[in-house]
Amino acid sequence: MKRYLKIFGVAFLAGVGAARVLIWLNMGIVHLLVMQGGWEAAAAVKAAPWILFALGGGLAMSLYGMYEDCQRYKRSSPYGRVQHSESRHSRPQEPEYRQNRRDA
């Protein structure tokens, strides 16, 4: 029971922290719209959550697109999964002329 209480407590605090971050981002957007964009304060307060939502949605779509591209390349590889551990540990033999140059 204590374990679940700790997990829920941490999850609750993480949610509160995420909410605070969203509030700070919202207020930052309002500040930028008013100070740099010349917006009226009331209009900036109404527009800021939509701008934040659009930025979050764009980020989510971008990450999803990158994930789908990664999955497509994994599935379409003609070689399957390439193991690199062998090539890291075994050194290829150098050509004979290079070995002879070191001795000279």
N, C-alpha and C. Protein backbone atom coordinates (compact mmCIF):
# COMPACT_ATOMS: atom_id res chain seq x y z
N MET A 1 0.82 -1.19 0.00
CA MET A 1 0.00 0.00 0.00
C MET A 1 0.87 1.26 0.00
N LYS A 2 1.95 1.22 0.79
CA LYS A 2 2.84 2.38 0.85
C LYS A 2 3.48 2.64 -0.51
N ARG A 3 3.79 1.56 -1.20
CA ARG A 3 4.43 1.70 -2.51
C ARG A 3 3.52 2.46 -3.47
N TYR A 4 2.24 2.10 -3.49
CA TYR A 4 1.30 2.77 -4.37
C TYR A 4 1.08 4.22 -3.96
N LEU A 5 1.12 4.47 -2.67
CA LEU A 5 0.98 5.84 -2.19
C LEU A 5 2.14 6.70 -2.67
N LYS A 6 3.34 6.13 -2.63
CA LYS A 6 4.51 6.86 -3.12
C LYS A 6 4.42 7.12 -4.63
N ILE A 7 3.99 6.10 -5.37
CA ILE A 7 3.87 6.25 -6.82
C ILE A 7 2.83 7.30 -7.17
N PHE A 8 1.68 7.25 -6.52
CA PHE A 8 0.64 8.24 -6.79
C PHE A 8 1.05 9.62 -6.33
N GLY A 9 1.78 9.69 -5.23
CA GLY A 9 2.27 10.99 -4.75
C GLY A 9 3.24 11.62 -5.74
N VAL A 10 4.16 10.82 -6.27
CA VAL A 10 5.11 11.33 -7.27
C VAL A 10 4.37 11.72 -8.55
N ALA A 11 3.42 10.91 -8.97
CA ALA A 11 2.64 11.23 -10.17
C ALA A 11 1.84 12.52 -9.98
N PHE A 12 1.27 12.70 -8.80
CA PHE A 12 0.52 13.92 -8.52
C PHE A 12 1.44 15.14 -8.56
N LEU A 13 2.59 15.04 -7.93
CA LEU A 13 3.52 16.17 -7.93
C LEU A 13 4.04 16.46 -9.33
N ALA A 14 4.26 15.42 -10.14
CA ALA A 14 4.68 15.63 -11.52
C ALA A 14 3.58 16.33 -12.31
N GLY A 15 2.33 15.96 -12.07
CA GLY A 15 1.22 16.63 -12.74
C GLY A 15 1.10 18.08 -12.35
N VAL A 16 1.27 18.36 -11.06
CA VAL A 16 1.23 19.75 -10.60
C VAL A 16 2.37 20.54 -11.22
N GLY A 17 3.55 19.95 -11.29
CA GLY A 17 4.69 20.63 -11.91
C GLY A 17 4.46 20.90 -13.38
N ALA A 18 3.89 19.92 -14.09
CA ALA A 18 3.59 20.10 -15.51
C ALA A 18 2.55 21.20 -15.71
N ALA A 19 1.57 21.26 -14.83
CA ALA A 19 0.55 22.32 -14.92
C ALA A 19 1.19 23.69 -14.70
N ARG A 20 2.11 23.78 -13.74
CA ARG A 20 2.80 25.06 -13.49
C ARG A 20 3.62 25.49 -14.70
N VAL A 21 4.28 24.53 -15.32
CA VAL A 21 5.08 24.84 -16.52
C VAL A 21 4.18 25.36 -17.63
N LEU A 22 3.01 24.72 -17.81
CA LEU A 22 2.08 25.19 -18.84
C LEU A 22 1.58 26.60 -18.53
N ILE A 23 1.32 26.89 -17.26
CA ILE A 23 0.88 28.24 -16.88
C ILE A 23 1.98 29.25 -17.17
N TRP A 24 3.23 28.90 -16.86
CA TRP A 24 4.34 29.82 -17.14
C TRP A 24 4.51 30.05 -18.63
N LEU A 25 4.38 28.97 -19.42
CA LEU A 25 4.48 29.13 -20.87
C LEU A 25 3.35 30.02 -21.40
N ASN A 26 2.16 29.82 -20.89
CA ASN A 26 1.02 30.63 -21.30
C ASN A 26 1.27 32.11 -20.98
N MET A 27 1.73 32.39 -19.77
CA MET A 27 1.99 33.77 -19.38
C MET A 27 3.14 34.36 -20.19
N GLY A 28 4.13 33.53 -20.52
CA GLY A 28 5.22 34.00 -21.37
C GLY A 28 4.76 34.38 -22.76
N ILE A 29 3.85 33.59 -23.32
CA ILE A 29 3.29 33.91 -24.64
C ILE A 29 2.49 35.19 -24.57
N VAL A 30 1.70 35.35 -23.50
CA VAL A 30 0.93 36.59 -23.33
C VAL A 30 1.88 37.78 -23.25
N HIS A 31 2.93 37.66 -22.49
CA HIS A 31 3.90 38.75 -22.35
C HIS A 31 4.53 39.10 -23.69
N LEU A 32 4.92 38.08 -24.46
CA LEU A 32 5.52 38.34 -25.77
C LEU A 32 4.53 38.99 -26.73
N LEU A 33 3.29 38.53 -26.70
CA LEU A 33 2.30 39.12 -27.60
C LEU A 33 2.04 40.59 -27.26
N VAL A 34 1.99 40.90 -25.97
CA VAL A 34 1.70 42.27 -25.56
C VAL A 34 2.91 43.17 -25.81
N MET A 35 4.09 42.73 -25.36
CA MET A 35 5.27 43.58 -25.43
C MET A 35 5.87 43.65 -26.83
N GLN A 36 6.00 42.52 -27.49
CA GLN A 36 6.66 42.50 -28.79
C GLN A 36 5.69 42.59 -29.96
N GLY A 37 4.49 42.07 -29.77
CA GLY A 37 3.54 42.03 -30.88
C GLY A 37 2.57 43.19 -30.92
N GLY A 38 2.52 43.98 -29.87
CA GLY A 38 1.61 45.11 -29.85
C GLY A 38 0.15 44.71 -29.68
N TRP A 39 -0.14 43.57 -29.10
CA TRP A 39 -1.50 43.11 -28.90
C TRP A 39 -2.09 43.79 -27.68
N GLU A 40 -3.41 43.83 -27.64
CA GLU A 40 -4.11 44.24 -26.43
C GLU A 40 -4.03 43.09 -25.43
N ALA A 41 -4.03 43.42 -24.15
CA ALA A 41 -3.86 42.39 -23.12
C ALA A 41 -4.98 41.35 -23.14
N ALA A 42 -6.22 41.80 -23.30
CA ALA A 42 -7.35 40.86 -23.29
C ALA A 42 -7.30 39.91 -24.48
N ALA A 43 -6.94 40.43 -25.64
CA ALA A 43 -6.83 39.58 -26.83
C ALA A 43 -5.67 38.59 -26.69
N ALA A 44 -4.57 39.04 -26.10
CA ALA A 44 -3.42 38.15 -25.91
C ALA A 44 -3.74 37.03 -24.94
N VAL A 45 -4.50 37.33 -23.89
CA VAL A 45 -4.88 36.31 -22.91
C VAL A 45 -5.78 35.25 -23.56
N LYS A 46 -6.65 35.67 -24.49
CA LYS A 46 -7.52 34.72 -25.17
C LYS A 46 -6.76 33.89 -26.21
N ALA A 47 -5.76 34.48 -26.86
CA ALA A 47 -5.05 33.80 -27.94
C ALA A 47 -3.92 32.89 -27.45
N ALA A 48 -3.34 33.17 -26.30
CA ALA A 48 -2.16 32.43 -25.84
C ALA A 48 -2.41 30.93 -25.67
N PRO A 49 -3.52 30.49 -25.07
CA PRO A 49 -3.72 29.03 -24.97
C PRO A 49 -3.83 28.34 -26.32
N TRP A 50 -4.41 29.03 -27.30
CA TRP A 50 -4.52 28.43 -28.63
C TRP A 50 -3.15 28.32 -29.29
N ILE A 51 -2.32 29.32 -29.09
CA ILE A 51 -0.96 29.26 -29.64
C ILE A 51 -0.18 28.13 -28.98
N LEU A 52 -0.31 28.01 -27.67
CA LEU A 52 0.36 26.93 -26.94
C LEU A 52 -0.14 25.57 -27.41
N PHE A 53 -1.44 25.45 -27.62
CA PHE A 53 -2.02 24.20 -28.12
C PHE A 53 -1.50 23.87 -29.51
N ALA A 54 -1.40 24.88 -30.38
CA ALA A 54 -0.90 24.66 -31.74
C ALA A 54 0.57 24.23 -31.72
N LEU A 55 1.36 24.84 -30.85
CA LEU A 55 2.77 24.45 -30.74
C LEU A 55 2.90 23.02 -30.23
N GLY A 56 2.12 22.66 -29.25
CA GLY A 56 2.16 21.30 -28.72
C GLY A 56 1.68 20.28 -29.74
N GLY A 57 0.62 20.62 -30.45
CA GLY A 57 0.13 19.72 -31.50
C GLY A 57 1.13 19.54 -32.62
N GLY A 58 1.78 20.62 -33.02
CA GLY A 58 2.80 20.53 -34.06
C GLY A 58 3.98 19.68 -33.62
N LEU A 59 4.38 19.83 -32.37
CA LEU A 59 5.47 19.01 -31.85
C LEU A 59 5.08 17.54 -31.81
N ALA A 60 3.86 17.25 -31.38
CA ALA A 60 3.39 15.87 -31.31
C ALA A 60 3.33 15.25 -32.71
N MET A 61 2.81 15.99 -33.69
CA MET A 61 2.74 15.46 -35.06
C MET A 61 4.13 15.23 -35.63
N SER A 62 5.06 16.13 -35.34
CA SER A 62 6.42 15.98 -35.83
C SER A 62 7.08 14.74 -35.23
N LEU A 63 6.93 14.55 -33.93
CA LEU A 63 7.52 13.37 -33.29
C LEU A 63 6.88 12.08 -33.80
N TYR A 64 5.58 12.10 -34.03
CA TYR A 64 4.91 10.92 -34.56
C TYR A 64 5.41 10.61 -35.98
N GLY A 65 5.60 11.64 -36.79
CA GLY A 65 6.11 11.44 -38.15
C GLY A 65 7.52 10.85 -38.14
N MET A 66 8.36 11.33 -37.22
CA MET A 66 9.71 10.76 -37.11
C MET A 66 9.65 9.31 -36.66
N TYR A 67 8.75 8.99 -35.74
CA TYR A 67 8.60 7.61 -35.27
C TYR A 67 8.16 6.71 -36.42
N GLU A 68 7.20 7.16 -37.22
CA GLU A 68 6.72 6.36 -38.34
C GLU A 68 7.81 6.16 -39.38
N ASP A 69 8.62 7.17 -39.65
CA ASP A 69 9.73 7.02 -40.58
C ASP A 69 10.73 5.99 -40.07
N CYS A 70 11.01 6.03 -38.79
CA CYS A 70 11.93 5.07 -38.20
C CYS A 70 11.38 3.66 -38.34
N GLN A 71 10.10 3.46 -38.08
CA GLN A 71 9.51 2.13 -38.20
C GLN A 71 9.52 1.66 -39.65
N ARG A 72 9.29 2.56 -40.59
CA ARG A 72 9.28 2.18 -42.00
C ARG A 72 10.67 1.71 -42.43
N TYR A 73 11.72 2.41 -42.00
CA TYR A 73 13.07 2.02 -42.38
C TYR A 73 13.48 0.70 -41.70
N LYS A 74 13.00 0.46 -40.50
CA LYS A 74 13.30 -0.81 -39.85
C LYS A 74 12.66 -1.96 -40.60
N ARG A 75 11.42 -1.77 -41.06
CA ARG A 75 10.71 -2.85 -41.75
C ARG A 75 11.23 -3.08 -43.16
N SER A 76 11.70 -2.02 -43.83
CA SER A 76 12.07 -2.15 -45.22
C SER A 76 13.54 -2.49 -45.43
N SER A 77 14.29 -2.68 -44.38
CA SER A 77 15.71 -2.99 -44.53
C SER A 77 15.88 -4.38 -45.13
N PRO A 78 16.64 -4.51 -46.22
CA PRO A 78 16.82 -5.83 -46.82
C PRO A 78 17.71 -6.75 -45.98
N TYR A 79 18.45 -6.19 -45.05
CA TYR A 79 19.38 -6.98 -44.26
C TYR A 79 18.85 -7.31 -42.87
N GLY A 80 17.70 -6.81 -42.53
CA GLY A 80 17.18 -7.00 -41.19
C GLY A 80 17.95 -6.14 -40.22
N ARG A 81 18.15 -6.64 -39.04
CA ARG A 81 18.87 -5.86 -38.04
C ARG A 81 20.36 -6.13 -38.17
N VAL A 82 21.13 -5.08 -38.26
CA VAL A 82 22.57 -5.20 -38.44
C VAL A 82 23.23 -5.19 -37.07
N GLN A 83 24.06 -6.18 -36.81
CA GLN A 83 24.79 -6.26 -35.55
C GLN A 83 26.16 -5.62 -35.74
N HIS A 84 26.46 -4.64 -34.92
CA HIS A 84 27.74 -3.95 -35.06
C HIS A 84 28.76 -4.39 -34.02
N SER A 85 28.40 -5.24 -33.12
CA SER A 85 29.31 -5.59 -32.04
C SER A 85 30.54 -6.32 -32.55
N GLU A 86 30.40 -7.14 -33.60
CA GLU A 86 31.55 -7.87 -34.12
C GLU A 86 32.56 -6.93 -34.76
N SER A 87 32.08 -5.95 -35.49
CA SER A 87 33.00 -5.05 -36.17
C SER A 87 33.73 -4.13 -35.20
N ARG A 88 33.16 -3.89 -34.04
CA ARG A 88 33.82 -3.03 -33.07
C ARG A 88 35.00 -3.73 -32.42
N HIS A 89 34.87 -5.02 -32.19
CA HIS A 89 35.89 -5.73 -31.43
C HIS A 89 36.97 -6.34 -32.30
N SER A 90 36.68 -6.67 -33.51
CA SER A 90 37.70 -7.27 -34.37
C SER A 90 38.27 -6.20 -35.29
N ARG A 91 39.59 -6.07 -35.29
CA ARG A 91 40.24 -5.07 -36.12
C ARG A 91 40.57 -5.71 -37.47
N PRO A 92 40.28 -5.05 -38.55
CA PRO A 92 40.61 -5.62 -39.86
C PRO A 92 42.13 -5.65 -40.05
N GLN A 93 42.59 -6.62 -40.80
CA GLN A 93 44.02 -6.74 -41.08
C GLN A 93 44.45 -5.62 -42.00
N GLU A 94 45.56 -4.98 -41.64
CA GLU A 94 46.07 -3.91 -42.49
C GLU A 94 46.81 -4.53 -43.67
N PRO A 95 46.82 -3.83 -44.78
CA PRO A 95 47.57 -4.34 -45.93
C PRO A 95 49.06 -4.46 -45.59
N GLU A 96 49.72 -5.35 -46.30
CA GLU A 96 51.13 -5.65 -46.00
C GLU A 96 52.02 -4.43 -46.18
N TYR A 97 51.73 -3.60 -47.17
CA TYR A 97 52.59 -2.45 -47.40
C TYR A 97 52.54 -1.47 -46.24
N ARG A 98 51.45 -1.39 -45.54
CA ARG A 98 51.39 -0.51 -44.38
C ARG A 98 52.21 -1.07 -43.23
N GLN A 99 52.15 -2.38 -43.05
CA GLN A 99 52.93 -2.97 -41.97
C GLN A 99 54.43 -2.80 -42.25
N ASN A 100 54.82 -2.92 -43.51
CA ASN A 100 56.24 -2.77 -43.86
C ASN A 100 56.71 -1.34 -43.66
N ARG A 101 55.83 -0.35 -43.87
CA ARG A 101 56.23 1.05 -43.71
C ARG A 101 56.51 1.37 -42.24
N ARG A 102 55.85 0.70 -41.36
CA ARG A 102 56.07 0.97 -39.95
C ARG A 102 57.43 0.42 -39.50
N ASP A 103 57.85 -0.67 -40.09
CA ASP A 103 59.11 -1.27 -39.69
C ASP A 103 60.29 -0.46 -40.21
N ALA A 104 60.11 0.26 -41.29
CA ALA A 104 61.24 0.96 -41.91
C ALA A 104 61.69 2.17 -41.14
